[in-house]
Amino acid sequence: MSDELLPPPDLAPSMPKGLPSEQYISAWLDLMAASEQFLLAGLRRKIGPKGDLRAAYQEWYRKQMEEHDQMMLHMMGEFARRSGYCDAQTGVERA
């Protein structure tokens, strides 16, 4: 389907079955290192060859953590509301 963002699971690359845990962990670490290189390359492209990559990374990370904190606060509020800890209409804590 052309409007899908992710391919179906049967088209995803897979790891061989039965590998030792160390090899799965090593593959995961390789993936994380490659992801970091993509991130840094994207930041470098954005700031140019003479830009401060460390400052660009720090700003990117600050924004990511700000978004994360906002999401966590929202989820905490939803949890409180859905668990009956606070009034669903006003959001005020129940006594």
N, C-alpha and C. Protein backbone atom coordinates (compact mmCIF):
# COMPACT_ATOMS: atom_id res chain seq x y z
N MET A 1 0.83 -1.17 0.00
CA MET A 1 0.00 0.00 0.00
C MET A 1 0.88 1.24 0.00
N SER A 2 0.63 2.19 -0.88
CA SER A 2 1.53 3.33 -1.07
C SER A 2 1.45 4.35 0.06
N ASP A 3 0.40 4.37 0.86
CA ASP A 3 0.29 5.36 1.92
C ASP A 3 0.83 4.87 3.27
N GLU A 4 1.39 3.67 3.32
CA GLU A 4 1.96 3.15 4.55
C GLU A 4 3.35 3.73 4.77
N LEU A 5 3.64 4.07 6.03
CA LEU A 5 4.96 4.60 6.36
C LEU A 5 5.97 3.49 6.62
N LEU A 6 5.50 2.39 7.16
CA LEU A 6 6.39 1.28 7.46
C LEU A 6 6.03 0.08 6.60
N PRO A 7 7.03 -0.64 6.15
CA PRO A 7 6.72 -1.84 5.36
C PRO A 7 6.15 -2.92 6.27
N PRO A 8 5.48 -3.89 5.68
CA PRO A 8 4.96 -5.00 6.50
C PRO A 8 6.12 -5.76 7.15
N PRO A 9 5.86 -6.37 8.31
CA PRO A 9 6.94 -7.07 9.04
C PRO A 9 7.67 -8.13 8.22
N ASP A 10 6.97 -8.77 7.28
CA ASP A 10 7.66 -9.82 6.52
C ASP A 10 8.70 -9.26 5.55
N LEU A 11 8.69 -7.96 5.31
CA LEU A 11 9.72 -7.35 4.46
C LEU A 11 10.88 -6.75 5.26
N ALA A 12 10.75 -6.75 6.58
CA ALA A 12 11.80 -6.18 7.44
C ALA A 12 13.01 -7.12 7.46
N PRO A 13 14.22 -6.53 7.53
CA PRO A 13 15.39 -7.39 7.66
C PRO A 13 15.33 -8.14 8.99
N SER A 14 15.85 -9.33 9.01
CA SER A 14 15.79 -10.13 10.24
C SER A 14 17.17 -10.59 10.63
N MET A 15 17.27 -10.95 11.89
CA MET A 15 18.51 -11.53 12.40
C MET A 15 18.38 -13.04 12.34
N PRO A 16 19.48 -13.73 12.09
CA PRO A 16 19.42 -15.20 12.12
C PRO A 16 19.00 -15.69 13.50
N LYS A 17 18.24 -16.72 13.54
CA LYS A 17 17.78 -17.30 14.80
C LYS A 17 18.90 -18.09 15.47
N GLY A 18 18.89 -18.11 16.79
CA GLY A 18 19.80 -18.95 17.54
C GLY A 18 21.19 -18.38 17.77
N LEU A 19 21.40 -17.09 17.50
CA LEU A 19 22.71 -16.51 17.76
C LEU A 19 22.92 -16.33 19.27
N PRO A 20 24.16 -16.34 19.71
CA PRO A 20 24.42 -16.03 21.12
C PRO A 20 23.98 -14.59 21.43
N SER A 21 23.61 -14.35 22.66
CA SER A 21 23.16 -13.02 23.08
C SER A 21 24.17 -11.94 22.73
N GLU A 22 25.44 -12.25 22.85
CA GLU A 22 26.48 -11.27 22.56
C GLU A 22 26.39 -10.76 21.13
N GLN A 23 26.04 -11.64 20.19
CA GLN A 23 25.95 -11.21 18.79
C GLN A 23 24.73 -10.32 18.56
N TYR A 24 23.63 -10.61 19.24
CA TYR A 24 22.46 -9.73 19.14
C TYR A 24 22.78 -8.35 19.72
N ILE A 25 23.46 -8.35 20.85
CA ILE A 25 23.83 -7.09 21.49
C ILE A 25 24.79 -6.32 20.60
N SER A 26 25.75 -7.01 20.01
CA SER A 26 26.71 -6.36 19.11
C SER A 26 26.00 -5.74 17.90
N ALA A 27 25.03 -6.46 17.35
CA ALA A 27 24.27 -5.93 16.21
C ALA A 27 23.49 -4.69 16.63
N TRP A 28 22.91 -4.71 17.83
CA TRP A 28 22.17 -3.55 18.34
C TRP A 28 23.11 -2.36 18.51
N LEU A 29 24.28 -2.59 19.07
CA LEU A 29 25.24 -1.50 19.24
C LEU A 29 25.69 -0.94 17.90
N ASP A 30 25.90 -1.80 16.91
CA ASP A 30 26.25 -1.34 15.56
C ASP A 30 25.14 -0.46 15.00
N LEU A 31 23.90 -0.86 15.20
CA LEU A 31 22.76 -0.08 14.73
C LEU A 31 22.71 1.28 15.42
N MET A 32 22.95 1.31 16.72
CA MET A 32 22.95 2.59 17.46
C MET A 32 24.09 3.50 16.97
N ALA A 33 25.25 2.92 16.71
CA ALA A 33 26.37 3.72 16.20
C ALA A 33 26.05 4.29 14.82
N ALA A 34 25.43 3.49 13.97
CA ALA A 34 25.05 3.98 12.64
C ALA A 34 24.01 5.08 12.75
N SER A 35 23.06 4.92 13.67
CA SER A 35 22.03 5.95 13.88
C SER A 35 22.66 7.26 14.33
N GLU A 36 23.64 7.17 15.22
CA GLU A 36 24.33 8.36 15.68
C GLU A 36 25.05 9.05 14.52
N GLN A 37 25.66 8.27 13.65
CA GLN A 37 26.37 8.85 12.51
C GLN A 37 25.39 9.54 11.56
N PHE A 38 24.21 8.97 11.36
CA PHE A 38 23.18 9.63 10.55
C PHE A 38 22.75 10.95 11.18
N LEU A 39 22.55 10.94 12.50
CA LEU A 39 22.17 12.16 13.21
C LEU A 39 23.24 13.23 13.04
N LEU A 40 24.48 12.87 13.29
CA LEU A 40 25.57 13.84 13.18
C LEU A 40 25.73 14.35 11.75
N ALA A 41 25.54 13.48 10.77
CA ALA A 41 25.64 13.90 9.37
C ALA A 41 24.51 14.88 9.04
N GLY A 42 23.31 14.61 9.56
CA GLY A 42 22.19 15.53 9.34
C GLY A 42 22.43 16.87 9.98
N LEU A 43 22.97 16.88 11.18
CA LEU A 43 23.29 18.14 11.84
C LEU A 43 24.39 18.89 11.09
N ARG A 44 25.41 18.16 10.64
CA ARG A 44 26.50 18.79 9.89
C ARG A 44 25.96 19.42 8.60
N ARG A 45 25.07 18.73 7.94
CA ARG A 45 24.46 19.26 6.72
C ARG A 45 23.68 20.54 7.02
N LYS A 46 23.01 20.54 8.16
CA LYS A 46 22.20 21.69 8.54
C LYS A 46 23.06 22.91 8.89
N ILE A 47 24.17 22.69 9.59
CA ILE A 47 24.97 23.82 10.06
C ILE A 47 26.12 24.19 9.12
N GLY A 48 26.43 23.32 8.18
CA GLY A 48 27.51 23.59 7.25
C GLY A 48 28.85 23.14 7.79
N PRO A 49 29.86 23.15 6.92
CA PRO A 49 31.17 22.60 7.30
C PRO A 49 31.89 23.40 8.39
N LYS A 50 31.56 24.67 8.52
CA LYS A 50 32.25 25.49 9.52
C LYS A 50 31.43 25.68 10.79
N GLY A 51 30.23 25.09 10.84
CA GLY A 51 29.37 25.23 12.02
C GLY A 51 29.89 24.43 13.20
N ASP A 52 29.40 24.76 14.37
CA ASP A 52 29.80 24.11 15.61
C ASP A 52 28.92 22.87 15.83
N LEU A 53 29.46 21.70 15.52
CA LEU A 53 28.70 20.46 15.61
C LEU A 53 28.30 20.15 17.05
N ARG A 54 29.18 20.40 17.97
CA ARG A 54 28.86 20.14 19.39
C ARG A 54 27.69 21.01 19.84
N ALA A 55 27.70 22.28 19.49
CA ALA A 55 26.60 23.18 19.87
C ALA A 55 25.30 22.75 19.19
N ALA A 56 25.38 22.33 17.93
CA ALA A 56 24.19 21.89 17.21
C ALA A 56 23.62 20.64 17.86
N TYR A 57 24.49 19.72 18.27
CA TYR A 57 24.03 18.51 18.94
C TYR A 57 23.39 18.86 20.29
N GLN A 58 24.01 19.74 21.04
CA GLN A 58 23.46 20.13 22.34
C GLN A 58 22.08 20.77 22.18
N GLU A 59 21.91 21.60 21.16
CA GLU A 59 20.61 22.22 20.91
C GLU A 59 19.59 21.17 20.49
N TRP A 60 19.97 20.25 19.63
CA TRP A 60 19.07 19.17 19.21
C TRP A 60 18.65 18.35 20.43
N TYR A 61 19.62 18.01 21.28
CA TYR A 61 19.32 17.20 22.46
C TYR A 61 18.42 17.96 23.43
N ARG A 62 18.66 19.24 23.62
CA ARG A 62 17.81 20.06 24.50
C ARG A 62 16.37 20.03 24.02
N LYS A 63 16.18 20.20 22.71
CA LYS A 63 14.82 20.17 22.15
C LYS A 63 14.18 18.79 22.32
N GLN A 64 14.96 17.74 22.10
CA GLN A 64 14.44 16.39 22.27
C GLN A 64 13.98 16.16 23.70
N MET A 65 14.79 16.59 24.65
CA MET A 65 14.44 16.39 26.06
C MET A 65 13.24 17.26 26.46
N GLU A 66 13.13 18.44 25.90
CA GLU A 66 11.97 19.29 26.17
C GLU A 66 10.69 18.62 25.67
N GLU A 67 10.74 18.09 24.46
CA GLU A 67 9.59 17.37 23.92
C GLU A 67 9.27 16.13 24.75
N HIS A 68 10.30 15.42 25.17
CA HIS A 68 10.12 14.23 25.99
C HIS A 68 9.45 14.60 27.32
N ASP A 69 9.95 15.65 27.96
CA ASP A 69 9.37 16.07 29.24
C ASP A 69 7.90 16.45 29.08
N GLN A 70 7.57 17.17 28.00
CA GLN A 70 6.18 17.54 27.76
C GLN A 70 5.32 16.30 27.57
N MET A 71 5.83 15.32 26.83
CA MET A 71 5.08 14.09 26.62
C MET A 71 4.88 13.35 27.94
N MET A 72 5.91 13.29 28.79
CA MET A 72 5.78 12.61 30.07
C MET A 72 4.76 13.31 30.96
N LEU A 73 4.76 14.63 30.98
CA LEU A 73 3.78 15.37 31.78
C LEU A 73 2.36 15.09 31.28
N HIS A 74 2.20 15.06 29.98
CA HIS A 74 0.89 14.76 29.40
C HIS A 74 0.45 13.34 29.80
N MET A 75 1.37 12.39 29.68
CA MET A 75 1.03 11.01 30.03
C MET A 75 0.70 10.87 31.51
N MET A 76 1.42 11.58 32.37
CA MET A 76 1.12 11.54 33.80
C MET A 76 -0.27 12.10 34.07
N GLY A 77 -0.61 13.19 33.40
CA GLY A 77 -1.94 13.77 33.55
C GLY A 77 -3.02 12.82 33.08
N GLU A 78 -2.78 12.16 31.94
CA GLU A 78 -3.75 11.20 31.42
C GLU A 78 -3.90 10.02 32.37
N PHE A 79 -2.80 9.55 32.91
CA PHE A 79 -2.86 8.43 33.85
C PHE A 79 -3.66 8.83 35.08
N ALA A 80 -3.39 10.02 35.61
CA ALA A 80 -4.12 10.49 36.79
C ALA A 80 -5.60 10.63 36.48
N ARG A 81 -5.91 11.18 35.32
CA ARG A 81 -7.31 11.37 34.94
C ARG A 81 -8.02 10.04 34.77
N ARG A 82 -7.39 9.12 34.07
CA ARG A 82 -8.02 7.83 33.79
C ARG A 82 -8.09 6.91 35.00
N SER A 83 -7.20 7.11 35.94
CA SER A 83 -7.22 6.27 37.14
C SER A 83 -8.15 6.81 38.21
N GLY A 84 -8.74 7.98 37.95
CA GLY A 84 -9.66 8.57 38.91
C GLY A 84 -8.97 9.38 39.99
N TYR A 85 -7.68 9.62 39.82
CA TYR A 85 -6.94 10.38 40.81
C TYR A 85 -7.34 11.85 40.79
N CYS A 86 -7.77 12.34 39.62
CA CYS A 86 -8.22 13.71 39.52
C CYS A 86 -9.51 13.77 38.72
N ASP A 87 -10.21 14.86 38.86
CA ASP A 87 -11.49 15.05 38.18
C ASP A 87 -11.25 15.14 36.67
N ALA A 88 -12.01 14.36 35.90
CA ALA A 88 -11.82 14.31 34.45
C ALA A 88 -12.15 15.63 33.78
N GLN A 89 -13.06 16.41 34.33
CA GLN A 89 -13.47 17.68 33.72
C GLN A 89 -12.48 18.79 34.05
N THR A 90 -12.10 18.89 35.31
CA THR A 90 -11.29 20.04 35.75
C THR A 90 -9.80 19.74 35.87
N GLY A 91 -9.48 18.45 36.04
CA GLY A 91 -8.08 18.08 36.25
C GLY A 91 -7.63 18.31 37.67
N VAL A 92 -8.57 18.69 38.55
CA VAL A 92 -8.24 18.98 39.95
C VAL A 92 -8.17 17.67 40.73
N GLU A 93 -7.15 17.57 41.57
CA GLU A 93 -6.95 16.37 42.38
C GLU A 93 -8.14 16.15 43.31
N ARG A 94 -8.57 14.90 43.40
CA ARG A 94 -9.66 14.55 44.32
C ARG A 94 -9.12 14.37 45.72
N ALA A 95 -9.93 14.72 46.69
CA ALA A 95 -9.51 14.63 48.10
C ALA A 95 -9.52 13.20 48.60
